[in-house]
Amino acid sequence: MNTKQNVVLITGGSSGIGLAFAKKFSSEENKVIIVSRSEQKLASVKAQFPQIITEAADITEEYSIANLAAKYKDVNILVNNAGVHHECSFRNGIEDFSLLRNEIATNFVAPVMLAEKFIPELLAKKNAAIINISSYFGISPKPSAPVYSATKAAMRSFSKSLRMQLRGTSIKVFDIVPPIVETPLTAQINPNVLKMKPEELIEIAWKSLIKDKYDVYPGLSKLFYVLSRVHPRYLENKVMKTTLNEKNP
């Protein structure tokens, strides 16, 4: 993938992985647009990085996605990064199912709709890419976050299917599979749990993007992937024991 002179739109770009990606793309001579629901966070990013274009939008709303696609027809790289994470117990009952609906809408339905709206313009570009951010919990699910894990598994499958559909076109489809990354999303997790820095993740991913390695497994994600192929039961047991202690000091 060409990593310079692009127009890049990043969802969830006001913090964490999205912001780290935005800074990296911006430093490499690209025009960058970040999308977030939080106007306050966008204003903070704009104050620090005035070259980055900020756009307040709720990507769970179809009209917002249609507006983004109509406004930014020059985009040739779409980064589906926005995500939310909720823990829940179906055994104990779900107190607020609207949180799970929003989780599905943000993590999976929105990237699907974004792809559908942007692909017609991307097909007309000489160089184009869709970069999806999934999770290693899409390889082996996190017991305390079954819906989150399911959305990330769905993203991995969607990336592969989309890549096959778009074979022979100018659009390259990447799936970046992070381990636990130090972001606002993981702030409540036990600090003793190993977390990758967003900047470290981006540097690893960047090398893969340049080489057109479409499935990217940074850090522990690579171990997850290998174990899922050779010893899935061991991996499931390990994930269960580890995640049960995530919030304990």
Protein backbone atom coordinates (compact mmCIF):
# COMPACT_ATOMS: atom_id res chain seq x y z
CA MET A 1 0.00 0.00 0.00
CA ASN A 2 1.18 3.47 -0.80
CA THR A 3 1.50 5.28 2.55
CA LYS A 4 2.05 8.82 1.26
CA GLN A 5 -0.08 11.45 -0.50
CA ASN A 6 -3.36 9.84 0.53
CA VAL A 7 -6.62 11.18 1.91
CA VAL A 8 -7.37 9.13 5.00
CA LEU A 9 -10.59 9.00 7.03
CA ILE A 10 -10.32 7.41 10.48
CA THR A 11 -13.30 6.64 12.70
CA GLY A 12 -12.73 6.84 16.43
CA GLY A 13 -9.77 9.06 15.62
CA SER A 14 -9.79 11.35 18.64
CA SER A 15 -7.96 8.98 21.02
CA GLY A 16 -6.15 5.66 21.36
CA ILE A 17 -5.33 3.64 18.25
CA GLY A 18 -7.25 6.00 15.97
CA LEU A 19 -5.33 9.06 17.10
CA ALA A 20 -2.01 7.22 16.88
CA PHE A 21 -2.89 6.26 13.31
CA ALA A 22 -3.93 9.83 12.54
CA LYS A 23 -0.62 11.22 13.80
CA LYS A 24 1.36 8.65 11.83
CA PHE A 25 -0.51 9.22 8.57
CA SER A 26 -0.27 12.99 9.04
CA SER A 27 3.49 12.81 9.59
CA GLU A 28 3.83 10.87 6.31
CA GLU A 29 2.44 13.59 4.01
CA ASN A 30 -1.19 12.49 4.06
CA LYS A 31 -4.38 14.49 4.47
CA VAL A 32 -6.16 13.08 7.53
CA ILE A 33 -9.80 13.35 8.63
CA ILE A 34 -10.76 11.98 12.04
CA VAL A 35 -14.33 11.21 13.05
CA SER A 36 -15.64 11.07 16.60
CA ARG A 37 -18.86 11.63 18.54
CA SER A 38 -17.00 13.75 21.09
CA GLU A 39 -16.65 17.37 20.00
CA GLN A 40 -14.56 18.05 23.09
CA LYS A 41 -12.00 15.39 22.15
CA LEU A 42 -11.95 16.60 18.55
CA ALA A 43 -11.29 20.16 19.71
CA SER A 44 -8.39 18.94 21.82
CA VAL A 45 -6.86 17.08 18.86
CA LYS A 46 -7.35 20.11 16.60
CA ALA A 47 -5.55 22.35 19.10
CA GLN A 48 -2.54 20.01 19.12
CA PHE A 49 -2.57 19.01 15.44
CA PRO A 50 -4.20 21.81 13.41
CA GLN A 51 -3.40 20.03 10.13
CA ILE A 52 -5.80 17.21 11.02
CA ILE A 53 -9.39 17.71 9.86
CA THR A 54 -11.97 16.90 12.54
CA GLU A 55 -15.54 15.78 11.93
CA ALA A 56 -18.17 15.23 14.63
CA ALA A 57 -20.50 12.40 13.63
CA ASP A 58 -22.32 9.41 15.07
CA ILE A 59 -21.41 6.50 12.83
CA THR A 60 -24.23 4.37 14.21
CA GLU A 61 -26.59 6.62 12.24
CA GLU A 62 -26.88 5.81 8.53
CA TYR A 63 -27.46 9.44 7.57
CA SER A 64 -24.18 10.43 9.27
CA ILE A 65 -22.29 7.87 7.21
CA ALA A 66 -23.99 9.03 4.02
CA ASN A 67 -23.01 12.62 4.84
CA LEU A 68 -19.38 11.63 5.42
CA ALA A 69 -19.21 9.76 2.10
CA ALA A 70 -20.78 12.69 0.25
CA LYS A 71 -18.55 15.28 1.90
CA TYR A 72 -15.23 13.43 1.55
CA LYS A 73 -15.31 11.94 -1.93
CA ASP A 74 -11.54 12.35 -2.19
CA VAL A 75 -10.89 9.75 0.55
CA ASN A 76 -8.89 6.81 -0.73
CA ILE A 77 -8.09 5.13 2.60
CA LEU A 78 -10.85 4.27 5.08
CA VAL A 79 -9.81 3.19 8.58
CA ASN A 80 -12.62 1.50 10.54
CA ASN A 81 -11.30 1.92 14.05
CA ALA A 82 -14.17 3.17 16.26
CA GLY A 83 -15.23 0.68 18.88
CA VAL A 84 -16.91 0.24 22.24
CA HIS A 85 -16.50 -2.51 24.81
CA HIS A 86 -19.04 -3.72 27.35
CA GLU A 87 -18.81 -6.60 29.77
CA CYS A 88 -22.00 -8.49 30.47
CA SER A 89 -23.27 -11.73 31.95
CA PHE A 90 -26.11 -13.55 30.22
CA ARG A 91 -26.14 -15.90 33.19
CA ASN A 92 -26.95 -13.05 35.59
CA GLY A 93 -29.16 -11.11 33.18
CA ILE A 94 -28.61 -8.02 31.03
CA GLU A 95 -29.53 -4.79 32.81
CA ASP A 96 -29.43 -2.51 29.77
CA PHE A 97 -29.66 -4.21 26.39
CA SER A 98 -29.34 -0.86 24.60
CA LEU A 99 -25.63 -0.91 25.45
CA LEU A 100 -25.23 -4.16 23.53
CA ARG A 101 -27.19 -2.82 20.57
CA ASN A 102 -24.87 0.18 20.47
CA GLU A 103 -21.84 -2.11 20.76
CA ILE A 104 -22.96 -4.13 17.73
CA ALA A 105 -23.88 -0.98 15.81
CA THR A 106 -20.54 0.72 16.49
CA ASN A 107 -18.19 -2.24 16.19
CA PHE A 108 -19.72 -4.04 13.22
CA VAL A 109 -22.74 -2.47 11.54
CA ALA A 110 -21.06 0.93 11.15
CA PRO A 111 -17.92 -0.42 9.40
CA VAL A 112 -20.16 -2.41 7.04
CA MET A 113 -22.20 0.69 6.19
CA LEU A 114 -19.06 2.81 5.81
CA ALA A 115 -17.60 0.27 3.39
CA GLU A 116 -20.83 0.23 1.38
CA LYS A 117 -20.96 4.02 1.11
CA PHE A 118 -17.26 4.61 0.38
CA ILE A 119 -16.47 1.70 -1.95
CA PRO A 120 -18.04 3.25 -5.08
CA GLU A 121 -15.65 6.20 -4.84
CA LEU A 122 -12.73 4.03 -3.72
CA LEU A 123 -13.10 1.89 -6.85
CA ALA A 124 -12.42 4.99 -8.94
CA LYS A 125 -9.12 5.68 -7.17
CA LYS A 126 -5.81 4.36 -8.51
CA ASN A 127 -4.70 3.41 -4.99
CA ALA A 128 -7.24 2.64 -2.27
CA ALA A 129 -7.52 0.69 0.97
CA ILE A 130 -9.88 -0.25 3.75
CA ILE A 131 -8.14 -0.87 7.07
CA ASN A 132 -10.26 -2.66 9.67
CA ILE A 133 -9.25 -2.81 13.32
CA SER A 134 -10.45 -6.03 14.93
CA SER A 135 -9.03 -7.67 18.09
CA TYR A 136 -7.35 -10.82 19.25
CA PHE A 137 -10.59 -11.48 21.14
CA GLY A 138 -12.01 -12.07 17.69
CA ILE A 139 -9.68 -15.08 17.52
CA SER A 140 -10.44 -16.46 20.98
CA PRO A 141 -13.34 -14.73 22.73
CA LYS A 142 -13.22 -12.94 26.06
CA PRO A 143 -15.76 -14.69 28.34
CA SER A 144 -16.77 -11.48 30.12
CA ALA A 145 -17.36 -9.61 26.85
CA PRO A 146 -19.18 -12.04 24.55
CA VAL A 147 -20.82 -9.41 22.33
CA TYR A 148 -17.62 -7.41 21.91
CA SER A 149 -15.76 -10.60 21.00
CA ALA A 150 -18.47 -11.59 18.53
CA THR A 151 -18.33 -8.22 16.77
CA LYS A 152 -14.57 -8.51 16.39
CA ALA A 153 -14.85 -12.05 15.02
CA ALA A 154 -17.44 -10.70 12.59
CA MET A 155 -15.04 -7.94 11.53
CA ARG A 156 -12.35 -10.51 10.78
CA SER A 157 -14.73 -12.54 8.63
CA PHE A 158 -16.05 -9.40 6.92
CA SER A 159 -12.50 -8.28 6.07
CA LYS A 160 -11.70 -11.62 4.45
CA SER A 161 -14.94 -11.75 2.46
CA LEU A 162 -14.56 -8.14 1.33
CA ARG A 163 -10.96 -8.80 0.29
CA MET A 164 -12.11 -11.68 -1.90
CA GLN A 165 -14.94 -9.64 -3.44
CA LEU A 166 -12.59 -6.76 -4.24
CA ARG A 167 -9.80 -8.91 -5.68
CA GLY A 168 -8.66 -7.45 -8.98
CA THR A 169 -9.71 -3.91 -8.03
CA SER A 170 -7.61 -1.04 -6.69
CA ILE A 171 -8.93 -1.56 -3.13
CA LYS A 172 -6.76 -3.44 -0.65
CA VAL A 173 -8.42 -4.72 2.53
CA PHE A 174 -6.38 -5.03 5.72
CA ASP A 175 -7.29 -6.55 9.08
CA ILE A 176 -5.21 -5.31 12.01
CA VAL A 177 -5.66 -7.56 15.04
CA PRO A 178 -4.44 -5.76 18.19
CA PRO A 179 -3.84 -7.34 21.56
CA ILE A 180 -4.87 -5.26 24.60
CA VAL A 181 -3.71 -1.72 23.82
CA GLU A 182 -3.30 1.16 26.27
CA THR A 183 -6.32 3.29 25.34
CA PRO A 184 -9.31 4.88 27.13
CA LEU A 185 -11.18 1.67 26.32
CA THR A 186 -8.82 -0.38 28.52
CA ALA A 187 -8.22 2.19 31.26
CA GLN A 188 -10.12 0.16 33.88
CA ILE A 189 -8.15 -3.03 33.28
CA ASN A 190 -5.66 -4.12 35.93
CA PRO A 191 -2.39 -2.19 35.26
CA ASN A 192 -0.49 -5.46 35.72
CA VAL A 193 -2.08 -6.79 32.53
CA LEU A 194 0.30 -6.37 29.60
CA LYS A 195 -0.84 -3.57 27.30
CA MET A 196 0.75 -2.50 24.04
CA LYS A 197 1.32 1.21 23.45
CA PRO A 198 -0.76 2.59 20.56
CA GLU A 199 2.37 3.98 18.90
CA GLU A 200 4.05 0.56 19.06
CA LEU A 201 1.01 -1.03 17.44
CA ILE A 202 1.01 1.53 14.64
CA GLU A 203 4.71 1.07 13.88
CA ILE A 204 4.22 -2.69 13.53
CA ALA A 205 1.09 -2.21 11.42
CA TRP A 206 2.83 0.38 9.25
CA LYS A 207 5.49 -2.07 8.16
CA SER A 208 2.79 -4.56 7.19
CA LEU A 209 0.81 -1.95 5.25
CA ILE A 210 3.89 -1.03 3.21
CA LYS A 211 4.48 -4.71 2.38
CA ASP A 212 0.78 -5.43 1.63
CA LYS A 213 0.51 -7.95 4.45
CA TYR A 214 -3.24 -7.99 4.77
CA ASP A 215 -3.60 -9.76 8.12
CA VAL A 216 -1.56 -8.06 10.84
CA TYR A 217 -0.93 -9.77 14.20
CA PRO A 218 1.08 -7.45 16.50
CA GLY A 219 2.57 -8.67 19.77
CA LEU A 220 0.51 -11.30 21.60
CA SER A 221 -1.97 -11.45 18.73
CA LYS A 222 0.50 -13.54 16.76
CA LEU A 223 0.65 -16.07 19.61
CA PHE A 224 -3.17 -16.06 19.80
CA TYR A 225 -3.38 -16.82 16.10
CA VAL A 226 -0.86 -19.65 16.22
CA LEU A 227 -2.41 -21.24 19.32
CA SER A 228 -5.89 -20.97 17.79
CA ARG A 229 -4.65 -23.15 14.95
CA VAL A 230 -2.64 -25.74 16.89
CA HIS A 231 -4.14 -25.81 20.40
CA PRO A 232 -7.47 -23.90 20.59
CA ARG A 233 -8.64 -25.49 23.86
CA TYR A 234 -5.45 -24.42 25.65
CA LEU A 235 -5.90 -20.87 24.34
CA GLU A 236 -9.54 -20.73 25.50
CA ASN A 237 -8.59 -21.87 29.01
CA LYS A 238 -5.72 -19.38 29.15
CA VAL A 239 -7.94 -16.49 28.05
CA MET A 240 -10.57 -17.44 30.62
CA LYS A 241 -8.09 -17.51 33.51
CA THR A 242 -6.41 -14.27 32.44
CA THR A 243 -9.55 -12.22 31.87
CA LEU A 244 -11.13 -13.31 35.15
CA ASN A 245 -8.28 -11.48 36.91
CA GLU A 246 -8.22 -8.40 34.66
CA LYS A 247 -9.87 -6.04 37.13
CA ASN A 248 -8.26 -7.39 40.27
CA PRO A 249 -5.39 -5.32 41.73
